[in-house]
């Protein structure tokens, strides 16, 4: 299914279109997709720029502070063209959020995003989400749900399934230090580089993707019910 390019164009003040923030982010290119995705495409973002000859064909673990996890996430998420199911605990990355909000405008993409209630109330997360609501309240309410686990604990899952073909899961929160983003001229070990000890797996195993999809949908429905109840009471 081809992506619709026009609704996903980034816009700056005055209505002018801007180019993707980085080469990994191809949200404005409808010809890019995950239909023939191969894990080898991500080896360019490892410190070594290549995988071992014994590396798995359906699972690879990346390390924040060593590998460019921020670009890995952009690479996968900006190529979504069919569906995205995800749950994220720490949600404070404007560029990744922009990719998701552009997917909101694409009627050919089914997207369910679940966020943790306690984290979503944080200063930075709240500002980001409030801006999303201002841009497209109906779209935000359709695709995003903020809540807790079924037993009212934190919703701590940090993962996604993209197009039913690629999954991501790990300890990585969406934040500058959580992903180990390259800040200014920073690079691993440099003065402007901040990175937590986190991992990010990317998975193409069909069984894992099927089971994880079901879990992410169940978590979203739980949060959606809680979110709806809270809105009704308010």
Protein backbone atom coordinates (compact mmCIF):
# COMPACT_ATOMS: atom_id res chain seq x y z
CA UNK A 1 0.00 0.00 0.00
CA UNK A 2 1.56 3.28 -1.08
CA UNK A 3 1.90 6.08 1.38
CA UNK A 4 0.24 9.41 0.77
CA UNK A 5 2.94 12.04 0.58
CA UNK A 6 1.09 15.32 0.76
CA UNK A 7 -0.50 15.07 4.24
CA UNK A 8 2.87 14.14 5.76
CA UNK A 9 4.85 17.15 4.55
CA UNK A 10 6.65 18.97 7.34
CA UNK A 11 5.59 22.60 7.59
CA UNK A 12 7.39 25.54 9.15
CA UNK A 13 6.12 29.02 9.97
CA UNK A 14 4.54 30.66 6.95
CA UNK A 15 3.47 27.34 5.45
CA UNK A 16 6.75 26.51 3.72
CA UNK A 17 7.74 22.87 3.47
CA UNK A 18 10.99 21.73 5.03
CA UNK A 19 13.18 18.75 4.26
CA UNK A 20 13.49 15.76 6.62
CA UNK A 21 15.66 16.49 9.63
CA UNK A 22 18.14 13.78 8.71
CA UNK A 23 18.89 11.18 6.06
CA UNK A 24 17.37 8.46 8.25
CA UNK A 25 14.03 10.29 8.37
CA UNK A 26 12.23 9.69 5.04
CA UNK A 27 8.69 10.49 6.18
CA UNK A 28 8.23 12.79 3.16
CA UNK A 29 9.20 10.10 0.63
CA UNK A 30 6.23 7.80 -0.15
CA UNK A 31 8.45 5.42 -2.13
CA UNK A 32 10.22 4.30 1.05
CA UNK A 33 8.62 1.44 2.97
CA UNK A 34 9.27 -1.60 5.15
CA UNK A 35 7.86 -4.10 2.67
CA UNK A 36 11.29 -5.54 1.89
CA UNK A 37 13.05 -4.53 5.09
CA UNK A 38 16.20 -6.42 6.05
CA UNK A 39 18.09 -5.98 9.32
CA UNK A 40 21.29 -5.45 7.36
CA UNK A 41 19.95 -2.00 6.43
CA UNK A 42 20.63 -0.87 10.00
CA UNK A 43 24.26 -1.96 10.22
CA UNK A 44 25.28 1.51 9.01
CA UNK A 45 24.19 2.86 12.41
CA UNK A 46 26.43 0.57 14.45
CA UNK A 47 29.83 1.69 15.66
CA UNK A 48 31.47 -0.94 13.45
CA UNK A 49 29.26 -0.10 10.41
CA UNK A 50 28.84 -3.82 9.82
CA UNK A 51 27.48 -6.95 11.51
CA UNK A 52 29.35 -10.10 12.41
CA UNK A 53 29.12 -12.95 9.93
CA UNK A 54 27.31 -14.92 12.66
CA UNK A 55 24.67 -12.22 13.32
CA UNK A 56 21.04 -13.31 13.47
CA UNK A 57 18.85 -12.64 10.43
CA UNK A 58 15.77 -11.77 12.51
CA UNK A 59 17.08 -10.09 15.67
CA UNK A 60 19.71 -7.49 16.43
CA UNK A 61 20.47 -5.68 19.68
CA UNK A 62 21.78 -2.12 19.53
CA UNK A 63 23.38 -0.17 22.37
CA UNK A 64 22.74 3.45 23.30
CA UNK A 65 26.06 5.23 23.67
CA UNK A 66 27.68 2.94 21.14
CA UNK A 67 25.24 2.76 18.23
CA UNK A 68 23.12 5.54 16.72
CA UNK A 69 19.80 4.39 18.18
CA UNK A 70 18.07 7.68 17.41
CA UNK A 71 18.67 7.20 13.68
CA UNK A 72 17.65 3.53 13.88
CA UNK A 73 14.26 4.52 15.29
CA UNK A 74 13.81 7.24 12.67
CA UNK A 75 14.79 4.84 9.90
CA UNK A 76 12.10 2.32 10.82
CA UNK A 77 9.27 4.59 11.95
CA UNK A 78 9.49 7.01 9.03
CA UNK A 79 8.98 4.09 6.62
CA UNK A 80 5.65 2.98 8.11
CA UNK A 81 2.99 2.71 5.40
CA UNK A 82 0.39 0.26 6.76
CA UNK A 83 0.20 0.15 10.56
CA UNK A 84 1.99 1.11 13.76
CA UNK A 85 1.17 -0.33 17.18
CA UNK A 86 3.32 1.00 20.00
CA UNK A 87 3.62 1.70 23.68
CA UNK A 88 6.25 4.09 25.01
CA UNK A 89 6.99 4.97 28.62
CA UNK A 90 9.23 8.03 28.17
CA UNK A 91 7.93 10.13 25.28
CA UNK A 92 10.08 13.23 24.81
CA UNK A 93 11.52 13.22 21.29
CA UNK A 94 10.14 16.00 19.04
CA UNK A 95 11.43 14.43 15.81
CA UNK A 96 9.95 10.99 16.46
CA UNK A 97 6.75 12.64 17.65
CA UNK A 98 6.63 14.64 14.41
CA UNK A 99 6.87 11.40 12.41
CA UNK A 100 3.91 9.94 14.32
CA UNK A 101 1.85 13.10 13.99
CA UNK A 102 2.38 13.06 10.24
CA UNK A 103 1.13 9.48 10.20
CA UNK A 104 -2.01 10.76 11.94
CA UNK A 105 -2.88 12.62 8.72
CA UNK A 106 -2.52 9.51 6.55
CA UNK A 107 -5.86 7.63 6.34
CA UNK A 108 -4.12 4.56 4.89
CA UNK A 109 -2.16 3.97 8.13
CA UNK A 110 -3.71 2.33 11.19
CA UNK A 111 -1.91 3.65 14.26
CA UNK A 112 -2.41 2.95 17.97
CA UNK A 113 -0.06 4.76 20.37
CA UNK A 114 -0.16 4.07 24.10
CA UNK A 115 1.58 6.32 26.63
CA UNK A 116 2.02 6.03 30.38
CA UNK A 117 -0.16 8.32 32.48
CA UNK A 118 2.53 9.33 34.97
CA UNK A 119 5.19 10.05 32.35
CA UNK A 120 2.80 11.90 30.06
CA UNK A 121 2.25 14.39 32.86
CA UNK A 122 5.92 15.36 33.00
CA UNK A 123 6.93 18.89 32.01
CA UNK A 124 8.52 18.08 28.65
CA UNK A 125 6.12 15.29 27.69
CA UNK A 126 3.07 17.39 28.58
CA UNK A 127 4.28 20.32 26.47
CA UNK A 128 4.87 18.03 23.50
CA UNK A 129 1.48 16.34 23.80
CA UNK A 130 -0.36 19.63 24.34
CA UNK A 131 1.18 20.90 21.09
CA UNK A 132 -0.03 17.73 19.33
CA UNK A 133 -3.56 18.31 20.60
CA UNK A 134 -3.46 21.89 19.38
CA UNK A 135 -2.41 20.78 15.89
CA UNK A 136 -5.00 18.02 15.54
CA UNK A 137 -7.15 17.23 18.57
CA UNK A 138 -9.43 14.76 16.79
CA UNK A 139 -6.49 12.92 15.24
CA UNK A 140 -4.63 12.80 18.54
CA UNK A 141 -7.65 11.45 20.41
CA UNK A 142 -8.21 8.84 17.69
CA UNK A 143 -4.70 7.42 17.69
CA UNK A 144 -3.27 8.12 21.16
CA UNK A 145 -4.33 6.73 24.53
CA UNK A 146 -2.81 7.66 27.89
CA UNK A 147 -3.23 5.30 30.82
CA UNK A 148 -1.84 2.53 33.00
CA UNK A 149 -1.60 -1.24 33.00
CA UNK A 150 -4.72 -3.35 33.54
CA UNK A 151 -3.88 -3.48 37.26
CA UNK A 152 -3.27 0.29 37.41
CA UNK A 153 0.51 0.11 37.51
CA UNK A 154 2.78 2.07 35.18
CA UNK A 155 2.58 1.23 31.49
CA UNK A 156 6.26 0.45 31.10
CA UNK A 157 6.37 -1.25 27.69
CA UNK A 158 8.87 0.42 25.34
CA UNK A 159 8.29 -1.01 21.92
CA UNK A 160 6.41 -1.10 18.64
CA UNK A 161 5.38 -3.20 15.68
CA UNK A 162 5.63 -1.44 12.32
CA UNK A 163 3.64 -2.66 9.29
CA UNK A 164 3.43 -6.12 10.83
CA UNK A 165 6.99 -6.69 9.65
CA UNK A 166 9.41 -4.98 12.03
CA UNK A 167 9.30 -4.84 15.83
CA UNK A 168 11.36 -2.83 18.26
CA UNK A 169 11.69 -3.39 22.01
CA UNK A 170 14.16 -2.51 24.74
CA UNK A 171 14.96 -0.23 27.66
CA UNK A 172 15.23 2.87 25.47
CA UNK A 173 12.96 5.80 26.32
CA UNK A 174 12.34 8.46 23.70
CA UNK A 175 14.55 11.26 24.97
CA UNK A 176 17.92 12.85 24.23
CA UNK A 177 19.88 10.85 26.77
CA UNK A 178 17.56 7.83 26.51
CA UNK A 179 18.41 7.34 22.84
CA UNK A 180 21.88 8.86 22.98
CA UNK A 181 21.07 11.49 20.39
CA UNK A 182 23.85 13.36 18.64
CA UNK A 183 23.57 16.86 20.12
CA UNK A 184 25.24 19.61 18.06
CA UNK A 185 28.61 18.16 17.07
CA UNK A 186 28.47 15.52 19.74
CA UNK A 187 29.40 11.91 19.14
CA UNK A 188 29.93 8.91 21.40
CA UNK A 189 32.55 9.89 23.94
CA UNK A 190 32.35 13.57 22.95
CA UNK A 191 31.57 16.52 25.21
CA UNK A 192 28.11 17.20 23.72
CA UNK A 193 26.94 13.60 23.71
CA UNK A 194 24.69 12.30 26.48
CA UNK A 195 23.64 8.69 26.71
CA UNK A 196 22.07 6.41 29.29
CA UNK A 197 22.82 2.70 29.45
CA UNK A 198 19.98 1.44 27.26
CA UNK A 199 19.36 -1.23 24.65
CA UNK A 200 17.18 -1.26 21.54
CA UNK A 201 16.33 -4.46 19.73
CA UNK A 202 14.95 -4.63 16.21
CA UNK A 203 13.14 -7.86 15.36
CA UNK A 204 11.75 -9.41 12.19
CA UNK A 205 10.77 -12.82 13.59
CA UNK A 206 7.11 -13.40 12.52
CA UNK A 207 6.03 -15.20 15.71
CA UNK A 208 7.39 -12.46 17.97
CA UNK A 209 5.77 -9.78 15.80
CA UNK A 210 2.39 -11.53 15.86
CA UNK A 211 2.37 -11.99 19.64
CA UNK A 212 3.75 -8.52 20.35
CA UNK A 213 1.12 -6.93 18.08
CA UNK A 214 -1.65 -8.59 20.08
CA UNK A 215 -0.11 -7.41 23.36
CA UNK A 216 0.30 -3.82 22.17
CA UNK A 217 -3.31 -3.69 20.98
CA UNK A 218 -4.52 -5.09 24.32
CA UNK A 219 -2.47 -2.49 26.23
CA UNK A 220 -3.88 0.28 24.05
CA UNK A 221 -7.49 -0.82 24.59
CA UNK A 222 -6.91 -0.90 28.35
CA UNK A 223 -5.42 2.60 28.36
CA UNK A 224 -8.11 3.86 26.00
CA UNK A 225 -10.84 2.66 28.36
CA UNK A 226 -9.12 4.35 31.30
CA UNK A 227 -8.54 7.53 29.30
CA UNK A 228 -12.17 7.64 28.22
CA UNK A 229 -13.43 7.11 31.76
CA UNK A 230 -11.22 9.92 33.05
CA UNK A 231 -12.48 12.30 30.34
CA UNK A 232 -16.10 11.45 31.14
CA UNK A 233 -15.60 12.13 34.84
CA UNK A 234 -13.82 15.39 34.10
